[in-house]
PDB file of N, CA and C in Angstrom:
ATOM      1  N   MET A   1       8.681 -10.612   1.409  1.00  0.00           N
ATOM      2  CA  MET A   1       7.710 -11.024   2.388  1.00  0.00           C
ATOM      3  C   MET A   1       7.273  -9.866   3.276  1.00  0.00           C
ATOM      4  N   SER A   2       8.159  -8.911   3.523  1.00  0.00           N
ATOM      5  CA  SER A   2       7.761  -7.793   4.382  1.00  0.00           C
ATOM      6  C   SER A   2       6.662  -6.968   3.720  1.00  0.00           C
ATOM      7  N   ALA A   3       6.668  -6.903   2.391  1.00  0.00           N
ATOM      8  CA  ALA A   3       5.596  -6.182   1.690  1.00  0.00           C
ATOM      9  C   ALA A   3       4.270  -6.891   1.902  1.00  0.00           C
ATOM     10  N   VAL A   4       4.290  -8.215   1.894  1.00  0.00           N
ATOM     11  CA  VAL A   4       3.059  -8.972   2.125  1.00  0.00           C
ATOM     12  C   VAL A   4       2.571  -8.739   3.549  1.00  0.00           C
ATOM     13  N   SER A   5       3.475  -8.709   4.507  1.00  0.00           N
ATOM     14  CA  SER A   5       3.082  -8.435   5.891  1.00  0.00           C
ATOM     15  C   SER A   5       2.488  -7.038   6.026  1.00  0.00           C
ATOM     16  N   ARG A   6       3.109  -6.059   5.399  1.00  0.00           N
ATOM     17  CA  ARG A   6       2.571  -4.690   5.461  1.00  0.00           C
ATOM     18  C   ARG A   6       1.206  -4.613   4.783  1.00  0.00           C
ATOM     19  N   PHE A   7       1.013  -5.428   3.764  1.00  0.00           N
ATOM     20  CA  PHE A   7      -0.255  -5.443   3.049  1.00  0.00           C
ATOM     21  C   PHE A   7      -1.410  -5.819   3.988  1.00  0.00           C
ATOM     22  N   PHE A   8      -1.151  -6.697   4.959  1.00  0.00           N
ATOM     23  CA  PHE A   8      -2.176  -7.146   5.891  1.00  0.00           C
ATOM     24  C   PHE A   8      -2.211  -6.335   7.189  1.00  0.00           C
ATOM     25  N   ASP A   9      -1.431  -5.289   7.294  1.00  0.00           N
ATOM     26  CA  ASP A   9      -1.404  -4.460   8.505  1.00  0.00           C
ATOM     27  C   ASP A   9      -2.705  -3.653   8.610  1.00  0.00           C
ATOM     28  N   PRO A  10      -3.472  -3.819   9.703  1.00  0.00           N
ATOM     29  CA  PRO A  10      -4.748  -3.100   9.804  1.00  0.00           C
ATOM     30  C   PRO A  10      -4.596  -1.584   9.813  1.00  0.00           C
ATOM     31  N   ALA A  11      -3.507  -1.072  10.350  1.00  0.00           N
ATOM     32  CA  ALA A  11      -3.304   0.378  10.352  1.00  0.00           C
ATOM     33  C   ALA A  11      -3.145   0.894   8.924  1.00  0.00           C
ATOM     34  N   LEU A  12      -2.507   0.109   8.080  1.00  0.00           N
ATOM     35  CA  LEU A  12      -2.327   0.512   6.688  1.00  0.00           C
ATOM     36  C   LEU A  12      -3.576   0.273   5.847  1.00  0.00           C
ATOM     37  N   CYS A  13      -4.504  -0.535   6.360  1.00  0.00           N
ATOM     38  CA  CYS A  13      -5.787  -0.692   5.659  1.00  0.00           C
ATOM     39  C   CYS A  13      -6.510   0.649   5.618  1.00  0.00           C
ATOM     40  N   LEU A  14      -6.392   1.396   6.698  1.00  0.00           N
ATOM     41  CA  LEU A  14      -7.077   2.684   6.773  1.00  0.00           C
ATOM     42  C   LEU A  14      -6.309   3.783   6.054  1.00  0.00           C
ATOM     43  N   SER A  15      -4.995   3.813   6.242  1.00  0.00           N
ATOM     44  CA  SER A  15      -4.207   4.891   5.645  1.00  0.00           C
ATOM     45  C   SER A  15      -3.775   4.581   4.216  1.00  0.00           C
ATOM     46  N   GLY A  16      -3.746   3.303   3.874  1.00  0.00           N
ATOM     47  CA  GLY A  16      -3.340   2.900   2.528  1.00  0.00           C
ATOM     48  C   GLY A  16      -1.878   2.509   2.475  1.00  0.00           C
ATOM     49  N   VAL A  17      -1.568   1.606   1.580  1.00  0.00           N
ATOM     50  CA  VAL A  17      -0.183   1.181   1.383  1.00  0.00           C
ATOM     51  C   VAL A  17       0.391   1.934   0.199  1.00  0.00           C
ATOM     52  N   SER A  18       1.693   2.028   0.178  1.00  0.00           N
ATOM     53  CA  SER A  18       2.346   2.727  -0.924  1.00  0.00           C
ATOM     54  C   SER A  18       2.228   1.915  -2.214  1.00  0.00           C
ATOM     55  N   GLU A  19       2.414   2.575  -3.322  1.00  0.00           N
ATOM     56  CA  GLU A  19       2.391   1.898  -4.626  1.00  0.00           C
ATOM     57  C   GLU A  19       3.502   0.849  -4.699  1.00  0.00           C
ATOM     58  N   GLU A  20       4.622   1.126  -4.045  1.00  0.00           N
ATOM     59  CA  GLU A  20       5.738   0.178  -4.041  1.00  0.00           C
ATOM     60  C   GLU A  20       5.332  -1.133  -3.369  1.00  0.00           C
ATOM     61  N   VAL A  21       4.657  -1.032  -2.223  1.00  0.00           N
ATOM     62  CA  VAL A  21       4.197  -2.232  -1.523  1.00  0.00           C
ATOM     63  C   VAL A  21       3.170  -2.962  -2.375  1.00  0.00           C
ATOM     64  N   LEU A  22       2.247  -2.224  -2.948  1.00  0.00           N
ATOM     65  CA  LEU A  22       1.231  -2.831  -3.804  1.00  0.00           C
ATOM     66  C   LEU A  22       1.878  -3.533  -4.992  1.00  0.00           C
ATOM     67  N   ASP A  23       2.872  -2.903  -5.603  1.00  0.00           N
ATOM     68  CA  ASP A  23       3.593  -3.519  -6.727  1.00  0.00           C
ATOM     69  C   ASP A  23       4.289  -4.807  -6.295  1.00  0.00           C
ATOM     70  N   ASP A  24       4.910  -4.791  -5.108  1.00  0.00           N
ATOM     71  CA  ASP A  24       5.597  -5.985  -4.605  1.00  0.00           C
ATOM     72  C   ASP A  24       4.613  -7.129  -4.369  1.00  0.00           C
ATOM     73  N   VAL A  25       3.465  -6.810  -3.774  1.00  0.00           N
ATOM     74  CA  VAL A  25       2.461  -7.836  -3.492  1.00  0.00           C
ATOM     75  C   VAL A  25       1.907  -8.409  -4.796  1.00  0.00           C
ATOM     76  N   VAL A  26       1.589  -7.543  -5.740  1.00  0.00           N
ATOM     77  CA  VAL A  26       1.062  -8.006  -7.030  1.00  0.00           C
ATOM     78  C   VAL A  26       2.107  -8.853  -7.748  1.00  0.00           C
ATOM     79  N   SER A  27       3.344  -8.446  -7.723  1.00  0.00           N
ATOM     80  CA  SER A  27       4.410  -9.211  -8.360  1.00  0.00           C
ATOM     81  C   SER A  27       4.544 -10.594  -7.718  1.00  0.00           C
ATOM     82  N   TYR A  28       4.505 -10.640  -6.397  1.00  0.00           N
ATOM     83  CA  TYR A  28       4.611 -11.901  -5.659  1.00  0.00           C
ATOM     84  C   TYR A  28       3.444 -12.822  -6.003  1.00  0.00           C
ATOM     85  N   ILE A  29       2.224 -12.292  -5.969  1.00  0.00           N
ATOM     86  CA  ILE A  29       1.048 -13.111  -6.237  1.00  0.00           C
ATOM     87  C   ILE A  29       1.047 -13.598  -7.676  1.00  0.00           C
ATOM     88  N   SER A  30       1.419 -12.745  -8.609  1.00  0.00           N
ATOM     89  CA  SER A  30       1.383 -13.147 -10.020  1.00  0.00           C
ATOM     90  C   SER A  30       2.413 -14.231 -10.327  1.00  0.00           C
ATOM     91  N   ARG A  31       3.483 -14.320  -9.537  1.00  0.00           N
ATOM     92  CA  ARG A  31       4.448 -15.410  -9.718  1.00  0.00           C
ATOM     93  C   ARG A  31       3.918 -16.717  -9.157  1.00  0.00           C
ATOM     94  N   CYS A  32       3.124 -16.635  -8.098  1.00  0.00           N
ATOM     95  CA  CYS A  32       2.621 -17.832  -7.416  1.00  0.00           C
ATOM     96  C   CYS A  32       1.323 -18.365  -8.001  1.00  0.00           C
ATOM     97  N   CYS A  33       0.560 -17.529  -8.658  1.00  0.00           N
ATOM     98  CA  CYS A  33      -0.801 -17.886  -9.061  1.00  0.00           C
ATOM     99  C   CYS A  33      -1.007 -17.652 -10.547  1.00  0.00           C
ATOM    100  N   PRO A  34      -1.987 -18.357 -11.092  1.00  0.00           N
ATOM    101  CA  PRO A  34      -2.296 -18.131 -12.509  1.00  0.00           C
ATOM    102  C   PRO A  34      -2.958 -16.775 -12.718  1.00  0.00           C
ATOM    103  N   GLY A  35      -2.853 -16.277 -13.913  1.00  0.00           N
ATOM    104  CA  GLY A  35      -3.475 -15.000 -14.248  1.00  0.00           C
ATOM    105  C   GLY A  35      -2.424 -13.946 -14.520  1.00  0.00           C
ATOM    106  N   SER A  36      -2.865 -12.887 -15.168  1.00  0.00           N
ATOM    107  CA  SER A  36      -1.943 -11.814 -15.506  1.00  0.00           C
ATOM    108  C   SER A  36      -1.746 -10.882 -14.317  1.00  0.00           C
ATOM    109  N   GLU A  37      -0.736 -10.052 -14.434  1.00  0.00           N
ATOM    110  CA  GLU A  37      -0.482  -9.066 -13.379  1.00  0.00           C
ATOM    111  C   GLU A  37      -1.642  -8.086 -13.252  1.00  0.00           C
ATOM    112  N   ILE A  38      -2.276  -7.761 -14.355  1.00  0.00           N
ATOM    113  CA  ILE A  38      -3.416  -6.833 -14.323  1.00  0.00           C
ATOM    114  C   ILE A  38      -4.565  -7.446 -13.535  1.00  0.00           C
ATOM    115  N   GLU A  39      -4.852  -8.732 -13.777  1.00  0.00           N
ATOM    116  CA  GLU A  39      -5.905  -9.416 -13.022  1.00  0.00           C
ATOM    117  C   GLU A  39      -5.563  -9.477 -11.541  1.00  0.00           C
ATOM    118  N   CYS A  40      -4.306  -9.774 -11.235  1.00  0.00           N
ATOM    119  CA  CYS A  40      -3.864  -9.831  -9.843  1.00  0.00           C
ATOM    120  C   CYS A  40      -4.032  -8.468  -9.175  1.00  0.00           C
ATOM    121  N   ARG A  41      -3.639  -7.407  -9.869  1.00  0.00           N
ATOM    122  CA  ARG A  41      -3.758  -6.057  -9.300  1.00  0.00           C
ATOM    123  C   ARG A  41      -5.223  -5.719  -9.014  1.00  0.00           C
ATOM    124  N   GLN A  42      -6.122  -6.096  -9.911  1.00  0.00           N
ATOM    125  CA  GLN A  42      -7.545  -5.825  -9.697  1.00  0.00           C
ATOM    126  C   GLN A  42      -8.059  -6.553  -8.465  1.00  0.00           C
ATOM    127  N   LYS A  43      -7.678  -7.805  -8.294  1.00  0.00           N
ATOM    128  CA  LYS A  43      -8.145  -8.579  -7.151  1.00  0.00           C
ATOM    129  C   LYS A  43      -7.538  -8.076  -5.850  1.00  0.00           C
ATOM    130  N   VAL A  44      -6.266  -7.735  -5.884  1.00  0.00           N
ATOM    131  CA  VAL A  44      -5.601  -7.204  -4.689  1.00  0.00           C
ATOM    132  C   VAL A  44      -6.213  -5.861  -4.302  1.00  0.00           C
ATOM    133  N   THR A  45      -6.442  -5.000  -5.273  1.00  0.00           N
ATOM    134  CA  THR A  45      -7.042  -3.697  -5.005  1.00  0.00           C
ATOM    135  C   THR A  45      -8.468  -3.859  -4.478  1.00  0.00           C
ATOM    136  N   GLY A  46      -9.196  -4.814  -5.030  1.00  0.00           N
ATOM    137  CA  GLY A  46     -10.549  -5.081  -4.544  1.00  0.00           C
ATOM    138  C   GLY A  46     -10.556  -5.546  -3.104  1.00  0.00           C
ATOM    139  N   PHE A  47      -9.620  -6.428  -2.760  1.00  0.00           N
ATOM    140  CA  PHE A  47      -9.546  -6.876  -1.366  1.00  0.00           C
ATOM    141  C   PHE A  47      -9.169  -5.728  -0.446  1.00  0.00           C
ATOM    142  N   ARG A  48      -8.231  -4.894  -0.865  1.00  0.00           N
ATOM    143  CA  ARG A  48      -7.821  -3.760  -0.016  1.00  0.00           C
ATOM    144  C   ARG A  48      -9.011  -2.846   0.270  1.00  0.00           C
ATOM    145  N   ALA A  49      -9.833  -2.599  -0.732  1.00  0.00           N
ATOM    146  CA  ALA A  49     -11.015  -1.750  -0.535  1.00  0.00           C
ATOM    147  C   ALA A  49     -11.988  -2.417   0.435  1.00  0.00           C
ATOM    148  N   TYR A  50     -12.196  -3.713   0.270  1.00  0.00           N
ATOM    149  CA  TYR A  50     -13.091  -4.452   1.170  1.00  0.00           C
ATOM    150  C   TYR A  50     -12.544  -4.451   2.591  1.00  0.00           C
ATOM    151  N   ALA A  51     -11.235  -4.719   2.741  1.00  0.00           N
ATOM    152  CA  ALA A  51     -10.617  -4.752   4.069  1.00  0.00           C
ATOM    153  C   ALA A  51     -10.699  -3.385   4.743  1.00  0.00           C
ATOM    154  N   LYS A  52     -10.531  -2.328   3.987  1.00  0.00           N
ATOM    155  CA  LYS A  52     -10.610  -0.973   4.541  1.00  0.00           C
ATOM    156  C   LYS A  52     -11.987  -0.717   5.140  1.00  0.00           C
ATOM    157  N   VAL A  53     -13.025  -1.115   4.431  1.00  0.00           N
ATOM    158  CA  VAL A  53     -14.393  -0.942   4.937  1.00  0.00           C
ATOM    159  C   VAL A  53     -14.594  -1.769   6.210  1.00  0.00           C
ATOM    160  N   GLN A  54     -14.109  -3.000   6.203  1.00  0.00           N
ATOM    161  CA  GLN A  54     -14.281  -3.873   7.365  1.00  0.00           C
ATOM    162  C   GLN A  54     -13.532  -3.347   8.586  1.00  0.00           C
ATOM    163  N   VAL A  55     -12.295  -2.916   8.390  1.00  0.00           N
ATOM    164  CA  VAL A  55     -11.491  -2.393   9.506  1.00  0.00           C
ATOM    165  C   VAL A  55     -12.103  -1.110  10.036  1.00  0.00           C
ATOM    166  N   ARG A  56     -12.537  -0.242   9.145  1.00  0.00           N
ATOM    167  CA  ARG A  56     -13.133   1.024   9.568  1.00  0.00           C
ATOM    168  C   ARG A  56     -14.425   0.787  10.355  1.00  0.00           C
ATOM    169  N   SER A  57     -15.242  -0.162   9.937  1.00  0.00           N
ATOM    170  CA  SER A  57     -16.530  -0.384  10.597  1.00  0.00           C
ATOM    171  C   SER A  57     -16.408  -1.167  11.896  1.00  0.00           C
ATOM    172  N   ASN A  58     -15.321  -1.909  12.076  1.00  0.00           N
ATOM    173  CA  ASN A  58     -15.168  -2.712  13.287  1.00  0.00           C
ATOM    174  C   ASN A  58     -13.698  -2.812  13.669  1.00  0.00           C
ATOM    175  N   SER A  59     -13.115  -1.700  14.031  1.00  0.00           N
ATOM    176  CA  SER A  59     -11.670  -1.646  14.296  1.00  0.00           C
ATOM    177  C   SER A  59     -11.250  -2.507  15.485  1.00  0.00           C
ATOM    178  N   GLN A  60     -12.145  -2.789  16.409  1.00  0.00           N
ATOM    179  CA  GLN A  60     -11.793  -3.624  17.562  1.00  0.00           C
ATOM    180  C   GLN A  60     -11.508  -5.069  17.156  1.00  0.00           C
ATOM    181  N   SER A  61     -12.070  -5.508  16.062  1.00  0.00           N
ATOM    182  CA  SER A  61     -11.866  -6.882  15.603  1.00  0.00           C
ATOM    183  C   SER A  61     -10.585  -7.048  14.793  1.00  0.00           C
ATOM    184  N   PHE A  62      -9.984  -5.943  14.385  1.00  0.00           N
ATOM    185  CA  PHE A  62      -8.793  -5.995  13.537  1.00  0.00           C
ATOM    186  C   PHE A  62      -7.644  -5.281  14.229  1.00  0.00           C
ATOM    187  N   GLN A  63      -6.976  -5.999  15.109  1.00  0.00           N
ATOM    188  CA  GLN A  63      -5.884  -5.426  15.883  1.00  0.00           C
ATOM    189  C   GLN A  63      -4.504  -5.824  15.365  1.00  0.00           C
ATOM    190  N   SER A  64      -4.441  -6.883  14.563  1.00  0.00           N
ATOM    191  CA  SER A  64      -3.135  -7.380  14.126  1.00  0.00           C
ATOM    192  C   SER A  64      -3.160  -7.769  12.648  1.00  0.00           C
ATOM    193  N   ILE A  65      -1.979  -8.041  12.141  1.00  0.00           N
ATOM    194  CA  ILE A  65      -1.842  -8.498  10.764  1.00  0.00           C
ATOM    195  C   ILE A  65      -2.606  -9.802  10.569  1.00  0.00           C
ATOM    196  N   GLY A  66      -2.562 -10.660  11.575  1.00  0.00           N
ATOM    197  CA  GLY A  66      -3.265 -11.939  11.511  1.00  0.00           C
ATOM    198  C   GLY A  66      -4.763 -11.780  11.366  1.00  0.00           C
ATOM    199  N   ASP A  67      -5.323 -10.753  11.990  1.00  0.00           N
ATOM    200  CA  ASP A  67      -6.769 -10.526  11.887  1.00  0.00           C
ATOM    201  C   ASP A  67      -7.182 -10.196  10.462  1.00  0.00           C
ATOM    202  N   VAL A  68      -6.407  -9.364   9.795  1.00  0.00           N
ATOM    203  CA  VAL A  68      -6.718  -9.017   8.401  1.00  0.00           C
ATOM    204  C   VAL A  68      -6.439 -10.221   7.494  1.00  0.00           C
ATOM    205  N   ALA A  69      -5.406 -10.988   7.811  1.00  0.00           N
ATOM    206  CA  ALA A  69      -5.124 -12.196   7.037  1.00  0.00           C
ATOM    207  C   ALA A  69      -6.271 -13.196   7.171  1.00  0.00           C
ATOM    208  N   GLN A  70      -6.829 -13.310   8.374  1.00  0.00           N
ATOM    209  CA  GLN A  70      -7.987 -14.190   8.566  1.00  0.00           C
ATOM    210  C   GLN A  70      -9.176 -13.723   7.729  1.00  0.00           C
ATOM    211  N   LEU A  71      -9.334 -12.411   7.610  1.00  0.00           N
ATOM    212  CA  LEU A  71     -10.385 -11.858   6.762  1.00  0.00           C
ATOM    213  C   LEU A  71     -10.188 -12.324   5.316  1.00  0.00           C
ATOM    214  N   ALA A  72      -8.948 -12.311   4.862  1.00  0.00           N
ATOM    215  CA  ALA A  72      -8.651 -12.764   3.496  1.00  0.00           C
ATOM    216  C   ALA A  72      -9.005 -14.236   3.328  1.00  0.00           C
ATOM    217  N   ILE A  73      -8.719 -15.031   4.337  1.00  0.00           N
ATOM    218  CA  ILE A  73      -9.029 -16.457   4.260  1.00  0.00           C
ATOM    219  C   ILE A  73     -10.546 -16.665   4.254  1.00  0.00           C
ATOM    220  N   LYS A  74     -11.261 -15.906   5.074  1.00  0.00           N
ATOM    221  CA  LYS A  74     -12.722 -16.023   5.107  1.00  0.00           C
ATOM    222  C   LYS A  74     -13.348 -15.608   3.777  1.00  0.00           C
ATOM    223  N   CYS A  75     -12.687 -14.723   3.075  1.00  0.00           N
ATOM    224  CA  CYS A  75     -13.214 -14.210   1.796  1.00  0.00           C
ATOM    225  C   CYS A  75     -12.562 -14.881   0.608  1.00  0.00           C
ATOM    226  N   ARG A  76     -12.042 -16.056   0.792  1.00  0.00           N
ATOM    227  CA  ARG A  76     -11.287 -16.697  -0.295  1.00  0.00           C
ATOM    228  C   ARG A  76     -12.116 -16.951  -1.541  1.00  0.00           C
ATOM    229  N   ASP A  77     -13.447 -17.041  -1.406  1.00  0.00           N
ATOM    230  CA  ASP A  77     -14.282 -17.201  -2.600  1.00  0.00           C
ATOM    231  C   ASP A  77     -14.262 -15.938  -3.457  1.00  0.00           C
ATOM    232  N   SER A  78     -14.266 -14.784  -2.802  1.00  0.00           N
ATOM    233  CA  SER A  78     -14.266 -13.509  -3.527  1.00  0.00           C
ATOM    234  C   SER A  78     -12.873 -13.067  -3.939  1.00  0.00           C
ATOM    235  N   PHE A  79     -11.884 -13.358  -3.084  1.00  0.00           N
ATOM    236  CA  PHE A  79     -10.509 -12.906  -3.323  1.00  0.00           C
ATOM    237  C   PHE A  79      -9.547 -14.086  -3.172  1.00  0.00           C
ATOM    238  N   PRO A  80      -9.626 -15.087  -4.047  1.00  0.00           N
ATOM    239  CA  PRO A  80      -8.814 -16.294  -3.857  1.00  0.00           C
ATOM    240  C   PRO A  80      -7.313 -16.056  -3.908  1.00  0.00           C
ATOM    241  N   LEU A  81      -6.858 -15.132  -4.728  1.00  0.00           N
ATOM    242  CA  LEU A  81      -5.409 -14.901  -4.829  1.00  0.00           C
ATOM    243  C   LEU A  81      -4.843 -14.347  -3.540  1.00  0.00           C
ATOM    244  N   VAL A  82      -5.576 -13.471  -2.885  1.00  0.00           N
ATOM    245  CA  VAL A  82      -5.092 -12.879  -1.634  1.00  0.00           C
ATOM    246  C   VAL A  82      -5.027 -13.938  -0.546  1.00  0.00           C
ATOM    247  N   ALA A  83      -6.033 -14.794  -0.473  1.00  0.00           N
ATOM    248  CA  ALA A  83      -6.031 -15.856   0.532  1.00  0.00           C
ATOM    249  C   ALA A  83      -4.877 -16.825   0.300  1.00  0.00           C
ATOM    250  N   MET A  84      -4.572 -17.123  -0.964  1.00  0.00           N
ATOM    251  CA  MET A  84      -3.454 -18.009  -1.261  1.00  0.00           C
ATOM    252  C   MET A  84      -2.140 -17.407  -0.782  1.00  0.00           C
ATOM    253  N   THR A  85      -2.008 -16.107  -0.867  1.00  0.00           N
ATOM    254  CA  THR A  85      -0.791 -15.444  -0.408  1.00  0.00           C
ATOM    255  C   THR A  85      -0.586 -15.695   1.074  1.00  0.00           C
ATOM    256  N   GLU A  86      -1.639 -15.562   1.855  1.00  0.00           N
ATOM    257  CA  GLU A  86      -1.532 -15.794   3.293  1.00  0.00           C
ATOM    258  C   GLU A  86      -1.182 -17.247   3.576  1.00  0.00           C
ATOM    259  N   ASP A  87      -1.774 -18.185   2.855  1.00  0.00           N
ATOM    260  CA  ASP A  87      -1.448 -19.591   3.041  1.00  0.00           C
ATOM    261  C   ASP A  87       0.022 -19.854   2.732  1.00  0.00           C
ATOM    262  N   CYS A  88       0.525 -19.238   1.660  1.00  0.00           N
ATOM    263  CA  CYS A  88       1.942 -19.381   1.299  1.00  0.00           C
ATOM    264  C   CYS A  88       2.838 -18.804   2.388  1.00  0.00           C
ATOM    265  N   GLU A  89       2.479 -17.615   2.879  1.00  0.00           N
ATOM    266  CA  GLU A  89       3.299 -16.982   3.901  1.00  0.00           C
ATOM    267  C   GLU A  89       3.305 -17.805   5.187  1.00  0.00           C
ATOM    268  N   ARG A  90       2.175 -18.373   5.545  1.00  0.00           N
ATOM    269  CA  ARG A  90       2.104 -19.205   6.747  1.00  0.00           C
ATOM    270  C   ARG A  90       3.005 -20.421   6.585  1.00  0.00           C
ATOM    271  N   GLY A  91       3.023 -21.005   5.396  1.00  0.00           N
ATOM    272  CA  GLY A  91       3.900 -22.140   5.142  1.00  0.00           C
ATOM    273  C   GLY A  91       5.368 -21.774   5.269  1.00  0.00           C
ATOM    274  N   PHE A  92       5.749 -20.605   4.749  1.00  0.00           N
ATOM    275  CA  PHE A  92       7.133 -20.155   4.888  1.00  0.00           C
ATOM    276  C   PHE A  92       7.489 -19.907   6.351  1.00  0.00           C
ATOM    277  N   SER A  93       6.563 -19.374   7.112  1.00  0.00           N
ATOM    278  CA  SER A  93       6.820 -19.128   8.535  1.00  0.00           C
ATOM    279  C   SER A  93       7.053 -20.438   9.274  1.00  0.00           C
ATOM    280  N   ARG A  94       6.242 -21.425   8.993  1.00  0.00           N
ATOM    281  CA  ARG A  94       6.420 -22.739   9.630  1.00  0.00           C
ATOM    282  C   ARG A  94       7.752 -23.352   9.232  1.00  0.00           C
ATOM    283  N   GLN A  95       8.106 -23.208   7.956  1.00  0.00           N
ATOM    284  CA  GLN A  95       9.372 -23.743   7.477  1.00  0.00           C
ATOM    285  C   GLN A  95      10.527 -23.082   8.220  1.00  0.00           C
ATOM    286  N   ASN A  96      10.461 -21.771   8.422  1.00  0.00           N
ATOM    287  CA  ASN A  96      11.525 -21.064   9.127  1.00  0.00           C
ATOM    288  C   ASN A  96      11.611 -21.495  10.584  1.00  0.00           C
ATOM    289  N   LEU A  97      10.462 -21.781  11.226  1.00  0.00           N
ATOM    290  CA  LEU A  97      10.486 -22.258  12.609  1.00  0.00           C
ATOM    291  C   LEU A  97      11.168 -23.614  12.697  1.00  0.00           C
ATOM    292  N   ILE A  98      10.850 -24.488  11.759  1.00  0.00           N
ATOM    293  CA  ILE A  98      11.479 -25.804  11.749  1.00  0.00           C
ATOM    294  C   ILE A  98      12.973 -25.665  11.505  1.00  0.00           C
ATOM    295  N   LYS A  99      13.348 -24.824  10.568  1.00  0.00           N
ATOM    296  CA  LYS A  99      14.752 -24.608  10.233  1.00  0.00           C
ATOM    297  C   LYS A  99      15.505 -24.028  11.426  1.00  0.00           C
ATOM    298  N   THR A 100      14.857 -23.133  12.176  1.00  0.00           N
ATOM    299  CA  THR A 100      15.492 -22.526  13.353  1.00  0.00           C
ATOM    300  C   THR A 100      15.737 -23.570  14.440  1.00  0.00           C
ATOM    301  N   ASP A 101      14.768 -24.478  14.646  1.00  0.00           N
ATOM    302  CA  ASP A 101      14.907 -25.513  15.671  1.00  0.00           C
ATOM    303  C   ASP A 101      16.015 -26.493  15.349  1.00  0.00           C
ATOM    304  N   ILE A 102      16.251 -26.737  14.077  1.00  0.00           N
ATOM    305  CA  ILE A 102      17.295 -27.694  13.671  1.00  0.00           C
ATOM    306  C   ILE A 102      18.622 -27.018  13.852  1.00  0.00           C
TER     307      ILE A 102
END
């Protein structure tokens, strides 16, 4: 999950994520979603390129991981696998909050 969080980090949108993080994200998405790992890598790489342009052109709007994740959700038609990852991660976060309260 930390690789997925780093994937949405706006600072790393500009500088780039390591191949290890990219591999972890692609592996995670390919387990959760239909399609081959190659297709997942293409979609993830495409979103990263799009996010980089968006963050660079309007850095004030992208201050947190949540801001880039919201971008993925807004672009779910173009990058559905990436948006699904954020939805999955949000569900796990809620589950952990409930588990912590119990």
